[in-house]
């Protein structure tokens, strides 16, 4: 997964106005106590970050 696909999925899940804010504020244990944005900046693969977001938001299996 590329960063662009990650952000597209985030916008579909949360809306374009809220996706970036949520990614920068919501801390997840699955990402070592980082936000999605911090994890991406630290080089964590977008697919791994998306998996953590998917679990945190309890999204349907179809969004996995």
N, C-alpha and C. Protein backbone atom coordinates (compact mmCIF):
# COMPACT_ATOMS: atom_id res chain seq x y z
N UNK A 1 0.84 -1.17 0.00
CA UNK A 1 0.00 0.00 0.00
C UNK A 1 0.90 1.25 0.00
N UNK A 2 0.52 2.20 -0.80
CA UNK A 2 1.26 3.47 -0.85
C UNK A 2 0.62 4.48 0.09
N UNK A 3 1.34 5.52 0.38
CA UNK A 3 0.82 6.57 1.25
C UNK A 3 -0.47 7.17 0.68
N UNK A 4 -0.52 7.33 -0.62
CA UNK A 4 -1.72 7.91 -1.22
C UNK A 4 -2.94 7.03 -0.98
N UNK A 5 -2.76 5.72 -1.09
CA UNK A 5 -3.89 4.81 -0.83
C UNK A 5 -4.28 4.86 0.64
N UNK A 6 -3.30 4.94 1.52
CA UNK A 6 -3.60 5.05 2.95
C UNK A 6 -4.49 6.27 3.20
N UNK A 7 -4.10 7.42 2.66
CA UNK A 7 -4.87 8.64 2.91
C UNK A 7 -6.24 8.60 2.24
N UNK A 8 -6.34 7.94 1.09
CA UNK A 8 -7.65 7.77 0.46
C UNK A 8 -8.57 6.96 1.36
N UNK A 9 -8.03 5.88 1.93
CA UNK A 9 -8.83 5.04 2.84
C UNK A 9 -9.22 5.82 4.09
N UNK A 10 -8.30 6.61 4.60
CA UNK A 10 -8.61 7.42 5.78
C UNK A 10 -9.76 8.38 5.49
N UNK A 11 -9.72 9.03 4.33
CA UNK A 11 -10.77 9.96 3.97
C UNK A 11 -12.11 9.26 3.76
N UNK A 12 -12.08 8.07 3.21
CA UNK A 12 -13.32 7.30 3.06
C UNK A 12 -13.90 6.91 4.41
N UNK A 13 -13.03 6.57 5.35
CA UNK A 13 -13.48 6.12 6.67
C UNK A 13 -13.95 7.28 7.55
N UNK A 14 -13.24 8.41 7.47
CA UNK A 14 -13.50 9.50 8.41
C UNK A 14 -13.96 10.81 7.77
N UNK A 15 -13.88 10.89 6.48
CA UNK A 15 -14.21 12.14 5.80
C UNK A 15 -12.95 12.97 5.59
N UNK A 16 -12.96 13.74 4.54
CA UNK A 16 -11.75 14.49 4.18
C UNK A 16 -11.39 15.55 5.22
N UNK A 17 -12.37 16.11 5.89
CA UNK A 17 -12.09 17.17 6.87
C UNK A 17 -11.50 16.62 8.16
N UNK A 18 -11.81 15.38 8.51
CA UNK A 18 -11.42 14.84 9.81
C UNK A 18 -10.25 13.86 9.75
N UNK A 19 -9.99 13.28 8.61
CA UNK A 19 -8.98 12.22 8.50
C UNK A 19 -7.60 12.67 8.98
N UNK A 20 -7.12 13.80 8.52
CA UNK A 20 -5.77 14.27 8.89
C UNK A 20 -5.71 14.62 10.37
N UNK A 21 -6.78 15.24 10.88
CA UNK A 21 -6.80 15.60 12.30
C UNK A 21 -6.75 14.35 13.17
N UNK A 22 -7.57 13.37 12.84
CA UNK A 22 -7.60 12.12 13.61
C UNK A 22 -6.24 11.44 13.56
N UNK A 23 -5.67 11.37 12.37
CA UNK A 23 -4.37 10.70 12.19
C UNK A 23 -3.26 11.38 12.99
N UNK A 24 -3.41 12.65 13.25
CA UNK A 24 -2.40 13.39 13.99
C UNK A 24 -2.64 13.46 15.48
N UNK A 25 -3.82 12.99 15.94
CA UNK A 25 -4.15 13.13 17.36
C UNK A 25 -4.40 11.82 18.10
N UNK A 26 -4.87 10.80 17.41
CA UNK A 26 -5.27 9.56 18.08
C UNK A 26 -4.08 8.64 18.24
N UNK A 27 -3.67 8.41 19.48
CA UNK A 27 -2.51 7.58 19.79
C UNK A 27 -2.95 6.12 19.89
N UNK A 28 -2.18 5.23 19.25
CA UNK A 28 -2.53 3.81 19.23
C UNK A 28 -1.39 2.97 19.81
N UNK A 29 -1.75 2.08 20.71
CA UNK A 29 -0.77 1.16 21.29
C UNK A 29 -0.18 0.26 20.21
N UNK A 30 -1.00 -0.11 19.22
CA UNK A 30 -0.53 -0.98 18.13
C UNK A 30 0.61 -0.33 17.33
N UNK A 31 0.75 0.97 17.46
CA UNK A 31 1.81 1.68 16.73
C UNK A 31 2.88 2.18 17.69
N UNK A 32 3.00 1.51 18.83
CA UNK A 32 4.03 1.88 19.78
C UNK A 32 3.77 3.19 20.50
N UNK A 33 2.50 3.50 20.71
CA UNK A 33 2.15 4.74 21.39
C UNK A 33 2.29 5.97 20.50
N UNK A 34 2.16 5.76 19.21
CA UNK A 34 2.25 6.87 18.25
C UNK A 34 0.92 7.06 17.55
N UNK A 35 0.77 8.21 16.95
CA UNK A 35 -0.38 8.44 16.08
C UNK A 35 -0.06 7.84 14.70
N UNK A 36 -1.07 7.75 13.87
CA UNK A 36 -0.86 7.25 12.51
C UNK A 36 0.14 8.14 11.77
N UNK A 37 -0.01 9.44 11.92
CA UNK A 37 0.89 10.37 11.23
C UNK A 37 2.33 10.20 11.72
N UNK A 38 2.51 10.06 13.04
CA UNK A 38 3.86 9.86 13.58
C UNK A 38 4.46 8.55 13.10
N UNK A 39 3.64 7.52 13.05
CA UNK A 39 4.13 6.21 12.60
C UNK A 39 4.57 6.29 11.14
N UNK A 40 3.77 6.92 10.31
CA UNK A 40 4.15 7.07 8.90
C UNK A 40 5.45 7.86 8.76
N UNK A 41 5.55 8.95 9.53
CA UNK A 41 6.76 9.78 9.49
C UNK A 41 7.99 9.01 9.96
N UNK A 42 7.77 8.03 10.86
CA UNK A 42 8.89 7.24 11.38
C UNK A 42 9.26 6.08 10.46
N UNK A 43 8.52 5.93 9.35
CA UNK A 43 8.86 4.89 8.39
C UNK A 43 8.09 3.60 8.52
N UNK A 44 7.06 3.58 9.38
CA UNK A 44 6.23 2.38 9.48
C UNK A 44 5.46 2.26 8.17
N UNK A 45 5.43 1.06 7.57
CA UNK A 45 4.73 0.89 6.29
C UNK A 45 3.25 1.28 6.39
N UNK A 46 2.73 1.98 5.39
CA UNK A 46 1.34 2.39 5.41
C UNK A 46 0.36 1.23 5.62
N UNK A 47 0.68 0.07 5.10
CA UNK A 47 -0.20 -1.10 5.28
C UNK A 47 -0.32 -1.45 6.76
N UNK A 48 0.78 -1.39 7.48
CA UNK A 48 0.78 -1.69 8.91
C UNK A 48 0.01 -0.61 9.69
N UNK A 49 0.19 0.64 9.30
CA UNK A 49 -0.52 1.73 9.95
C UNK A 49 -2.02 1.60 9.68
N UNK A 50 -2.39 1.27 8.44
CA UNK A 50 -3.80 1.10 8.12
C UNK A 50 -4.40 -0.03 8.95
N UNK A 51 -3.69 -1.12 9.13
CA UNK A 51 -4.20 -2.23 9.94
C UNK A 51 -4.50 -1.77 11.36
N UNK A 52 -3.65 -0.94 11.92
CA UNK A 52 -3.88 -0.41 13.27
C UNK A 52 -5.08 0.52 13.29
N UNK A 53 -5.19 1.36 12.27
CA UNK A 53 -6.34 2.27 12.17
C UNK A 53 -7.62 1.47 12.03
N UNK A 54 -7.59 0.47 11.18
CA UNK A 54 -8.76 -0.39 10.93
C UNK A 54 -9.25 -1.00 12.24
N UNK A 55 -8.32 -1.50 13.04
CA UNK A 55 -8.70 -2.09 14.34
C UNK A 55 -9.22 -1.02 15.30
N UNK A 56 -8.55 0.12 15.36
CA UNK A 56 -8.94 1.18 16.29
C UNK A 56 -10.34 1.72 15.99
N UNK A 57 -10.67 1.82 14.71
CA UNK A 57 -11.97 2.35 14.31
C UNK A 57 -13.04 1.27 14.22
N UNK A 58 -12.63 0.01 14.40
CA UNK A 58 -13.55 -1.12 14.31
C UNK A 58 -14.33 -1.07 12.99
N UNK A 59 -13.57 -0.92 11.91
CA UNK A 59 -14.16 -0.83 10.58
C UNK A 59 -14.58 -2.21 10.09
N UNK A 60 -15.51 -2.27 9.15
CA UNK A 60 -15.94 -3.57 8.62
C UNK A 60 -14.82 -4.30 7.89
N UNK A 61 -14.93 -5.60 7.83
CA UNK A 61 -13.91 -6.43 7.18
C UNK A 61 -13.69 -6.02 5.73
N UNK A 62 -14.71 -5.52 5.08
CA UNK A 62 -14.57 -5.09 3.68
C UNK A 62 -13.60 -3.93 3.52
N UNK A 63 -13.33 -3.19 4.59
CA UNK A 63 -12.39 -2.06 4.53
C UNK A 63 -10.97 -2.45 4.87
N UNK A 64 -10.77 -3.71 5.18
CA UNK A 64 -9.45 -4.16 5.59
C UNK A 64 -8.52 -4.10 4.44
